[in-house]
Amino acid sequence: MTLHSVDGGHANAAQANTAQINAAQAGERADPRAPQMPWLSIYLTVKDADASLDFYSRAFGFAPGMVVRDEQGAPQHVEMQYRGETPVMFSPEGAQGCAAQSPATLGVTMPVTFYLYHDDVDALCAQARAAGARVEAEPQDMFWGDRMAALVCPNGYRWSFATHTGQTDGPLPGAA
């Protein structure tokens, strides 16, 4: 396996490691997370890692981070960044002998939706559609104050992107 950082993550990792060492020397508890990692990150199994790298970049604006490739150059582990964090990682079906498959391969509807905020959900929806996403719900104003669109990627994962507008629309459904 070879490790490749597309975005210069090694410099960022070195800065974060220096900060952790300084915190430890000052008697403070160091952050237990790896550099650029949020507290929660999703790990997907995808049909094709190269195609997924391309799709998630073009459709959602995610930037490639660390990519671990096998001896033939095929991605075996991929980290994608969004707004300076790594909210999503993935590996292809069969990587390192894992039997997991994507929802598209299994022919199932994902019971989980990933929800991310974006500056312009309408523009992102159009961009994702052009890149090959299936739009489940066009951008619309939601009662909780977000403008949201629901999309399905070629791997069968469900994604909702939203822009917070602050405009709430009455009581919650079913509330008296």
Protein backbone atom coordinates (compact mmCIF):
# COMPACT_ATOMS: atom_id res chain seq x y z
CA MET A 1 0.00 0.00 0.00
CA THR A 2 1.13 3.52 -0.70
CA LEU A 3 -0.05 6.68 1.00
CA HIS A 4 -0.75 9.78 -1.07
CA SER A 5 -1.98 13.14 0.22
CA VAL A 6 -3.62 15.14 -2.52
CA ASP A 7 -4.23 18.29 -0.49
CA GLY A 8 -0.96 18.76 1.36
CA GLY A 9 -2.42 17.19 4.49
CA HIS A 10 1.02 16.30 5.81
CA ALA A 11 1.80 19.94 6.61
CA ASN A 12 -1.58 20.33 8.34
CA ALA A 13 -0.98 17.09 10.27
CA ALA A 14 2.45 18.32 11.39
CA GLN A 15 0.93 21.59 12.66
CA ALA A 16 -1.79 19.70 14.53
CA ASN A 17 0.73 17.26 16.02
CA THR A 18 2.88 20.18 17.22
CA ALA A 19 -0.20 21.72 18.85
CA GLN A 20 -0.96 18.43 20.61
CA ILE A 21 2.62 18.13 21.87
CA ASN A 22 2.50 21.71 23.17
CA ALA A 23 -0.81 21.00 24.92
CA ALA A 24 0.59 17.85 26.53
CA GLN A 25 3.69 19.73 27.74
CA ALA A 26 1.43 22.39 29.26
CA GLY A 27 -0.43 19.68 31.18
CA GLU A 28 -3.55 19.96 29.02
CA ARG A 29 -5.36 16.97 27.56
CA ALA A 30 -4.59 16.64 23.86
CA ASP A 31 -7.36 16.34 21.29
CA PRO A 32 -7.90 12.58 20.72
CA ARG A 33 -8.86 13.10 17.06
CA ALA A 34 -6.59 12.84 14.06
CA PRO A 35 -5.88 16.18 12.32
CA GLN A 36 -8.79 17.52 10.22
CA MET A 37 -11.18 14.89 11.57
CA PRO A 38 -14.58 15.89 12.96
CA TRP A 39 -15.99 14.14 16.01
CA LEU A 40 -18.15 12.02 13.72
CA SER A 41 -17.14 10.82 10.28
CA ILE A 42 -18.90 8.34 8.02
CA TYR A 43 -17.15 5.43 6.32
CA LEU A 44 -18.75 4.13 3.14
CA THR A 45 -18.30 1.09 0.97
CA VAL A 46 -18.41 2.16 -2.66
CA LYS A 47 -18.71 0.28 -5.95
CA ASP A 48 -15.72 1.99 -7.56
CA ALA A 49 -13.33 4.18 -5.57
CA ASP A 50 -11.94 6.13 -8.54
CA ALA A 51 -15.45 6.85 -9.85
CA SER A 52 -16.55 7.84 -6.33
CA LEU A 53 -13.58 10.22 -5.94
CA ASP A 54 -14.65 11.89 -9.18
CA PHE A 55 -18.37 11.96 -8.35
CA TYR A 56 -18.08 13.31 -4.79
CA SER A 57 -15.68 16.01 -6.05
CA ARG A 58 -17.87 17.13 -8.96
CA ALA A 59 -21.27 16.66 -7.33
CA PHE A 60 -20.74 17.79 -3.74
CA GLY A 61 -17.51 19.78 -3.91
CA PHE A 62 -15.63 17.39 -1.60
CA ALA A 63 -11.84 17.58 -1.99
CA PRO A 64 -9.64 14.47 -2.00
CA GLY A 65 -7.49 14.15 1.10
CA MET A 66 -5.46 11.07 1.96
CA VAL A 67 -5.69 8.29 -0.61
CA VAL A 68 -4.14 4.89 0.08
CA ARG A 69 -3.54 2.87 -3.09
CA ASP A 70 -2.65 -0.77 -3.62
CA GLU A 71 0.32 -1.99 -5.67
CA GLN A 72 -1.71 -1.62 -8.89
CA GLY A 73 -2.61 1.99 -8.04
CA ALA A 74 -6.26 1.34 -7.15
CA PRO A 75 -7.60 3.34 -4.16
CA GLN A 76 -8.15 1.15 -1.10
CA HIS A 77 -8.91 3.91 1.42
CA VAL A 78 -10.00 7.46 0.58
CA GLU A 79 -10.62 10.48 2.77
CA MET A 80 -12.58 13.40 1.34
CA GLN A 81 -12.61 16.85 2.86
CA TYR A 82 -15.35 19.43 3.15
CA ARG A 83 -14.73 22.82 4.73
CA GLY A 84 -11.42 21.74 6.24
CA GLU A 85 -12.69 18.52 7.82
CA THR A 86 -12.94 14.91 6.72
CA PRO A 87 -16.64 14.02 7.07
CA VAL A 88 -16.50 11.05 4.71
CA MET A 89 -14.09 8.20 4.06
CA PHE A 90 -14.59 5.16 1.84
CA SER A 91 -13.11 2.02 0.38
CA PRO A 92 -14.20 -0.07 -2.59
CA GLU A 93 -16.17 -3.28 -2.30
CA GLY A 94 -13.78 -6.12 -1.50
CA ALA A 95 -10.96 -3.92 -0.17
CA GLN A 96 -8.74 -5.81 2.28
CA GLY A 97 -11.07 -8.81 2.01
CA CYS A 98 -14.09 -6.97 3.43
CA ALA A 99 -17.44 -8.41 2.33
CA ALA A 100 -19.38 -5.12 2.64
CA GLN A 101 -21.20 -3.86 -0.44
CA SER A 102 -22.73 -0.52 -1.38
CA PRO A 103 -26.52 -0.04 -1.21
CA ALA A 104 -26.59 0.20 -5.03
CA THR A 105 -24.94 -3.22 -5.36
CA LEU A 106 -27.28 -4.69 -2.75
CA GLY A 107 -30.32 -3.10 -4.39
CA VAL A 108 -31.56 -1.60 -1.11
CA THR A 109 -32.76 1.85 -0.08
CA MET A 110 -30.54 3.38 2.56
CA PRO A 111 -32.40 3.79 5.87
CA VAL A 112 -29.96 6.57 6.85
CA THR A 113 -29.51 10.01 5.26
CA PHE A 114 -26.35 12.10 5.62
CA TYR A 115 -27.20 15.77 6.32
CA LEU A 116 -24.68 18.49 5.48
CA TYR A 117 -24.93 22.26 5.32
CA HIS A 118 -23.90 24.19 2.21
CA ASP A 119 -23.83 27.89 1.28
CA ASP A 120 -26.21 27.48 -1.68
CA VAL A 121 -28.31 24.31 -1.71
CA ASP A 122 -30.01 25.23 -4.99
CA ALA A 123 -26.68 25.52 -6.83
CA LEU A 124 -25.38 22.35 -5.20
CA CYS A 125 -28.49 20.41 -6.24
CA ALA A 126 -28.03 21.48 -9.88
CA GLN A 127 -24.31 20.63 -9.71
CA ALA A 128 -25.01 17.19 -8.19
CA ARG A 129 -27.70 16.42 -10.77
CA ALA A 130 -25.29 17.31 -13.59
CA ALA A 131 -22.68 14.98 -12.03
CA GLY A 132 -25.12 12.05 -11.95
CA ALA A 133 -26.95 12.26 -8.61
CA ARG A 134 -30.61 11.31 -8.51
CA VAL A 135 -32.68 14.08 -6.95
CA GLU A 136 -35.21 12.68 -4.46
CA ALA A 137 -36.48 16.09 -3.38
CA GLU A 138 -35.86 19.42 -5.09
CA PRO A 139 -34.64 22.26 -2.87
CA GLN A 140 -37.48 23.47 -0.69
CA ASP A 141 -37.99 25.49 2.46
CA MET A 142 -38.51 23.24 5.48
CA PHE A 143 -40.51 24.04 8.62
CA TRP A 144 -37.39 23.94 10.83
CA GLY A 145 -35.71 26.84 9.01
CA ASP A 146 -33.53 25.06 6.45
CA ARG A 147 -33.78 25.04 2.66
CA MET A 148 -33.02 21.43 1.82
CA ALA A 149 -32.56 19.07 -1.14
CA ALA A 150 -32.40 15.26 -0.98
CA LEU A 151 -30.07 13.38 -3.34
CA VAL A 152 -28.93 9.82 -3.98
CA CYS A 153 -25.38 9.19 -5.18
CA PRO A 154 -24.43 6.43 -7.66
CA ASN A 155 -23.44 4.20 -4.72
CA GLY A 156 -27.00 4.37 -3.40
CA TYR A 157 -26.31 6.57 -0.37
CA ARG A 158 -28.85 9.25 0.53
CA TRP A 159 -27.58 12.78 1.07
CA SER A 160 -29.45 15.88 2.19
CA PHE A 161 -27.83 19.27 1.76
CA ALA A 162 -29.27 22.35 3.39
CA THR A 163 -28.81 26.07 3.77
CA HIS A 164 -30.16 27.49 7.00
CA THR A 165 -32.55 30.36 6.27
CA GLY A 166 -33.96 30.83 9.77
CA GLN A 167 -37.45 31.07 8.28
CA THR A 168 -39.62 28.66 10.22
CA ASP A 169 -43.06 27.85 8.93
CA GLY A 170 -45.50 27.37 11.78
CA PRO A 171 -45.72 24.55 14.31
CA LEU A 172 -44.22 21.11 13.93
CA PRO A 173 -46.34 18.64 11.95
CA GLY A 174 -48.86 16.96 14.26
CA ALA A 175 -48.50 19.61 16.99
CA ALA A 176 -51.69 21.00 18.44
